[in-house]
Amino acid sequence: MSGMFRFGVIASVAIGCLIIIVSAFKTKRLFSCIFLSALQGIAAIFAVNASGLITGLHLPLNGYTIASSVIGGTPAVIGMVVMEIIFLL
Protein backbone atom coordinates (compact mmCIF):
# COMPACT_ATOMS: atom_id res chain seq x y z
CA MET A 1 0.00 0.00 0.00
CA SER A 2 1.44 3.35 -0.96
CA GLY A 3 2.23 5.92 1.70
CA MET A 4 -0.30 8.47 0.45
CA PHE A 5 -3.12 5.93 0.30
CA ARG A 6 -2.25 4.74 3.79
CA PHE A 7 -2.31 8.31 5.10
CA GLY A 8 -5.67 8.86 3.43
CA VAL A 9 -7.12 5.74 5.03
CA ILE A 10 -5.89 6.79 8.46
CA ALA A 11 -7.23 10.33 7.99
CA SER A 12 -10.65 9.11 6.88
CA VAL A 13 -10.82 6.71 9.82
CA ALA A 14 -9.95 9.51 12.22
CA ILE A 15 -12.61 11.81 10.80
CA GLY A 16 -15.18 9.02 10.82
CA CYS A 17 -14.37 8.16 14.43
CA LEU A 18 -14.75 11.76 15.46
CA ILE A 19 -18.15 11.97 13.78
CA ILE A 20 -19.30 8.75 15.45
CA ILE A 21 -18.13 9.80 18.91
CA VAL A 22 -19.77 13.23 18.67
CA SER A 23 -23.07 11.77 17.47
CA ALA A 24 -22.97 9.04 20.12
CA PHE A 25 -22.58 11.56 22.93
CA LYS A 26 -25.35 13.75 21.51
CA THR A 27 -27.86 10.89 21.36
CA LYS A 28 -26.81 9.30 24.69
CA ARG A 29 -26.67 5.86 23.00
CA LEU A 30 -22.95 5.21 22.90
CA PHE A 31 -22.76 1.42 22.48
CA SER A 32 -25.70 0.98 20.12
CA CYS A 33 -24.43 3.83 17.96
CA ILE A 34 -20.93 2.32 17.73
CA PHE A 35 -22.28 -1.17 17.02
CA LEU A 36 -24.66 0.00 14.30
CA SER A 37 -21.96 2.14 12.72
CA ALA A 38 -19.63 -0.86 12.60
CA LEU A 39 -22.33 -2.94 10.93
CA GLN A 40 -23.00 -0.20 8.40
CA GLY A 41 -19.29 0.01 7.60
CA ILE A 42 -19.01 -3.73 7.02
CA ALA A 43 -22.15 -3.72 4.87
CA ALA A 44 -20.85 -0.74 2.89
CA ILE A 45 -17.49 -2.33 2.09
CA PHE A 46 -19.15 -5.54 0.96
CA ALA A 47 -21.68 -3.55 -1.11
CA VAL A 48 -18.82 -1.71 -2.84
CA ASN A 49 -17.08 -4.98 -3.63
CA ALA A 50 -20.33 -6.62 -4.79
CA SER A 51 -21.07 -3.72 -7.14
CA GLY A 52 -17.48 -3.91 -8.36
CA LEU A 53 -18.56 -6.42 -10.97
CA ILE A 54 -20.50 -3.62 -12.65
CA THR A 55 -18.36 -0.59 -11.81
CA GLY A 56 -14.92 -2.18 -11.89
CA LEU A 57 -14.04 -0.68 -8.49
CA HIS A 58 -12.83 -3.06 -5.80
CA LEU A 59 -11.50 -2.34 -2.33
CA PRO A 60 -9.02 -4.92 -1.08
CA LEU A 61 -10.14 -6.78 2.02
CA ASN A 62 -7.16 -6.55 4.35
CA GLY A 63 -6.60 -5.47 7.93
CA TYR A 64 -6.54 -1.75 7.16
CA THR A 65 -9.74 -1.65 5.14
CA ILE A 66 -11.71 -3.92 7.48
CA ALA A 67 -10.55 -2.02 10.57
CA SER A 68 -11.29 1.35 9.02
CA SER A 69 -14.74 0.23 7.89
CA VAL A 70 -15.54 -1.13 11.37
CA ILE A 71 -14.13 1.86 13.25
CA GLY A 72 -15.07 4.60 10.80
CA GLY A 73 -18.28 3.16 9.41
CA THR A 74 -19.74 4.36 6.16
CA PRO A 75 -17.73 7.64 6.03
CA ALA A 76 -14.50 5.65 6.04
CA VAL A 77 -15.70 3.42 3.20
CA ILE A 78 -16.76 6.47 1.19
CA GLY A 79 -13.33 7.99 1.81
CA MET A 80 -11.60 4.83 0.62
CA VAL A 81 -13.78 4.73 -2.52
CA VAL A 82 -12.98 8.37 -3.32
CA MET A 83 -9.26 7.76 -2.81
CA GLU A 84 -9.39 4.64 -4.96
CA ILE A 85 -11.09 6.59 -7.75
CA ILE A 86 -8.57 9.44 -7.50
CA PHE A 87 -5.56 7.13 -7.55
CA LEU A 88 -6.93 5.05 -10.44
CA LEU A 89 -6.97 8.11 -12.70
C-alpha atoms as a PDB file:
ATOM      1  CA  MET A   1       0.000   0.000   0.000  1.00  0.00           C
ATOM      2  CA  SER A   2       1.439   3.352  -0.961  1.00  0.00           C
ATOM      3  CA  GLY A   3       2.227   5.924   1.697  1.00  0.00           C
ATOM      4  CA  MET A   4      -0.300   8.473   0.446  1.00  0.00           C
ATOM      5  CA  PHE A   5      -3.124   5.927   0.304  1.00  0.00           C
ATOM      6  CA  ARG A   6      -2.252   4.737   3.794  1.00  0.00           C
ATOM      7  CA  PHE A   7      -2.314   8.308   5.100  1.00  0.00           C
ATOM      8  CA  GLY A   8      -5.673   8.861   3.434  1.00  0.00           C
ATOM      9  CA  VAL A   9      -7.120   5.737   5.032  1.00  0.00           C
ATOM     10  CA  ILE A  10      -5.886   6.791   8.465  1.00  0.00           C
ATOM     11  CA  ALA A  11      -7.229  10.329   7.990  1.00  0.00           C
ATOM     12  CA  SER A  12     -10.652   9.109   6.876  1.00  0.00           C
ATOM     13  CA  VAL A  13     -10.820   6.714   9.819  1.00  0.00           C
ATOM     14  CA  ALA A  14      -9.946   9.514  12.223  1.00  0.00           C
ATOM     15  CA  ILE A  15     -12.607  11.812  10.796  1.00  0.00           C
ATOM     16  CA  GLY A  16     -15.178   9.018  10.815  1.00  0.00           C
ATOM     17  CA  CYS A  17     -14.365   8.156  14.433  1.00  0.00           C
ATOM     18  CA  LEU A  18     -14.749  11.764  15.457  1.00  0.00           C
ATOM     19  CA  ILE A  19     -18.151  11.967  13.777  1.00  0.00           C
ATOM     20  CA  ILE A  20     -19.297   8.749  15.448  1.00  0.00           C
ATOM     21  CA  ILE A  21     -18.130   9.799  18.913  1.00  0.00           C
ATOM     22  CA  VAL A  22     -19.773  13.233  18.675  1.00  0.00           C
ATOM     23  CA  SER A  23     -23.070  11.775  17.473  1.00  0.00           C
ATOM     24  CA  ALA A  24     -22.972   9.037  20.122  1.00  0.00           C
ATOM     25  CA  PHE A  25     -22.576  11.561  22.926  1.00  0.00           C
ATOM     26  CA  LYS A  26     -25.348  13.748  21.513  1.00  0.00           C
ATOM     27  CA  THR A  27     -27.859  10.890  21.355  1.00  0.00           C
ATOM     28  CA  LYS A  28     -26.814   9.295  24.690  1.00  0.00           C
ATOM     29  CA  ARG A  29     -26.668   5.861  23.003  1.00  0.00           C
ATOM     30  CA  LEU A  30     -22.951   5.206  22.896  1.00  0.00           C
ATOM     31  CA  PHE A  31     -22.761   1.420  22.483  1.00  0.00           C
ATOM     32  CA  SER A  32     -25.703   0.975  20.118  1.00  0.00           C
ATOM     33  CA  CYS A  33     -24.426   3.831  17.963  1.00  0.00           C
ATOM     34  CA  ILE A  34     -20.933   2.325  17.727  1.00  0.00           C
ATOM     35  CA  PHE A  35     -22.282  -1.171  17.021  1.00  0.00           C
ATOM     36  CA  LEU A  36     -24.658  -0.002  14.296  1.00  0.00           C
ATOM     37  CA  SER A  37     -21.963   2.144  12.723  1.00  0.00           C
ATOM     38  CA  ALA A  38     -19.631  -0.859  12.599  1.00  0.00           C
ATOM     39  CA  LEU A  39     -22.334  -2.944  10.929  1.00  0.00           C
ATOM     40  CA  GLN A  40     -22.998  -0.202   8.405  1.00  0.00           C
ATOM     41  CA  GLY A  41     -19.291   0.010   7.598  1.00  0.00           C
ATOM     42  CA  ILE A  42     -19.011  -3.728   7.022  1.00  0.00           C
ATOM     43  CA  ALA A  43     -22.154  -3.717   4.874  1.00  0.00           C
ATOM     44  CA  ALA A  44     -20.849  -0.741   2.886  1.00  0.00           C
ATOM     45  CA  ILE A  45     -17.489  -2.330   2.092  1.00  0.00           C
ATOM     46  CA  PHE A  46     -19.149  -5.536   0.963  1.00  0.00           C
ATOM     47  CA  ALA A  47     -21.677  -3.554  -1.113  1.00  0.00           C
ATOM     48  CA  VAL A  48     -18.821  -1.712  -2.842  1.00  0.00           C
ATOM     49  CA  ASN A  49     -17.080  -4.981  -3.634  1.00  0.00           C
ATOM     50  CA  ALA A  50     -20.325  -6.618  -4.787  1.00  0.00           C
ATOM     51  CA  SER A  51     -21.067  -3.723  -7.135  1.00  0.00           C
ATOM     52  CA  GLY A  52     -17.476  -3.914  -8.356  1.00  0.00           C
ATOM     53  CA  LEU A  53     -18.559  -6.419 -10.972  1.00  0.00           C
ATOM     54  CA  ILE A  54     -20.500  -3.624 -12.653  1.00  0.00           C
ATOM     55  CA  THR A  55     -18.361  -0.591 -11.812  1.00  0.00           C
ATOM     56  CA  GLY A  56     -14.916  -2.177 -11.888  1.00  0.00           C
ATOM     57  CA  LEU A  57     -14.045  -0.682  -8.490  1.00  0.00           C
ATOM     58  CA  HIS A  58     -12.827  -3.063  -5.800  1.00  0.00           C
ATOM     59  CA  LEU A  59     -11.505  -2.338  -2.326  1.00  0.00           C
ATOM     60  CA  PRO A  60      -9.019  -4.918  -1.076  1.00  0.00           C
ATOM     61  CA  LEU A  61     -10.143  -6.776   2.023  1.00  0.00           C
ATOM     62  CA  ASN A  62      -7.165  -6.549   4.348  1.00  0.00           C
ATOM     63  CA  GLY A  63      -6.597  -5.473   7.928  1.00  0.00           C
ATOM     64  CA  TYR A  64      -6.541  -1.752   7.159  1.00  0.00           C
ATOM     65  CA  THR A  65      -9.741  -1.653   5.142  1.00  0.00           C
ATOM     66  CA  ILE A  66     -11.707  -3.915   7.478  1.00  0.00           C
ATOM     67  CA  ALA A  67     -10.549  -2.024  10.574  1.00  0.00           C
ATOM     68  CA  SER A  68     -11.290   1.351   9.021  1.00  0.00           C
ATOM     69  CA  SER A  69     -14.744   0.227   7.892  1.00  0.00           C
ATOM     70  CA  VAL A  70     -15.540  -1.125  11.368  1.00  0.00           C
ATOM     71  CA  ILE A  71     -14.131   1.860  13.246  1.00  0.00           C
ATOM     72  CA  GLY A  72     -15.065   4.605  10.797  1.00  0.00           C
ATOM     73  CA  GLY A  73     -18.280   3.158   9.413  1.00  0.00           C
ATOM     74  CA  THR A  74     -19.743   4.362   6.162  1.00  0.00           C
ATOM     75  CA  PRO A  75     -17.726   7.641   6.031  1.00  0.00           C
ATOM     76  CA  ALA A  76     -14.496   5.650   6.041  1.00  0.00           C
ATOM     77  CA  VAL A  77     -15.701   3.420   3.201  1.00  0.00           C
ATOM     78  CA  ILE A  78     -16.762   6.466   1.193  1.00  0.00           C
ATOM     79  CA  GLY A  79     -13.334   7.992   1.813  1.00  0.00           C
ATOM     80  CA  MET A  80     -11.603   4.827   0.619  1.00  0.00           C
ATOM     81  CA  VAL A  81     -13.775   4.729  -2.515  1.00  0.00           C
ATOM     82  CA  VAL A  82     -12.980   8.367  -3.318  1.00  0.00           C
ATOM     83  CA  MET A  83      -9.259   7.756  -2.813  1.00  0.00           C
ATOM     84  CA  GLU A  84      -9.393   4.637  -4.962  1.00  0.00           C
ATOM     85  CA  ILE A  85     -11.093   6.591  -7.750  1.00  0.00           C
ATOM     86  CA  ILE A  86      -8.571   9.437  -7.500  1.00  0.00           C
ATOM     87  CA  PHE A  87      -5.564   7.126  -7.545  1.00  0.00           C
ATOM     88  CA  LEU A  88      -6.933   5.052 -10.445  1.00  0.00           C
ATOM     89  CA  LEU A  89      -6.971   8.114 -12.696  1.00  0.00           C
END
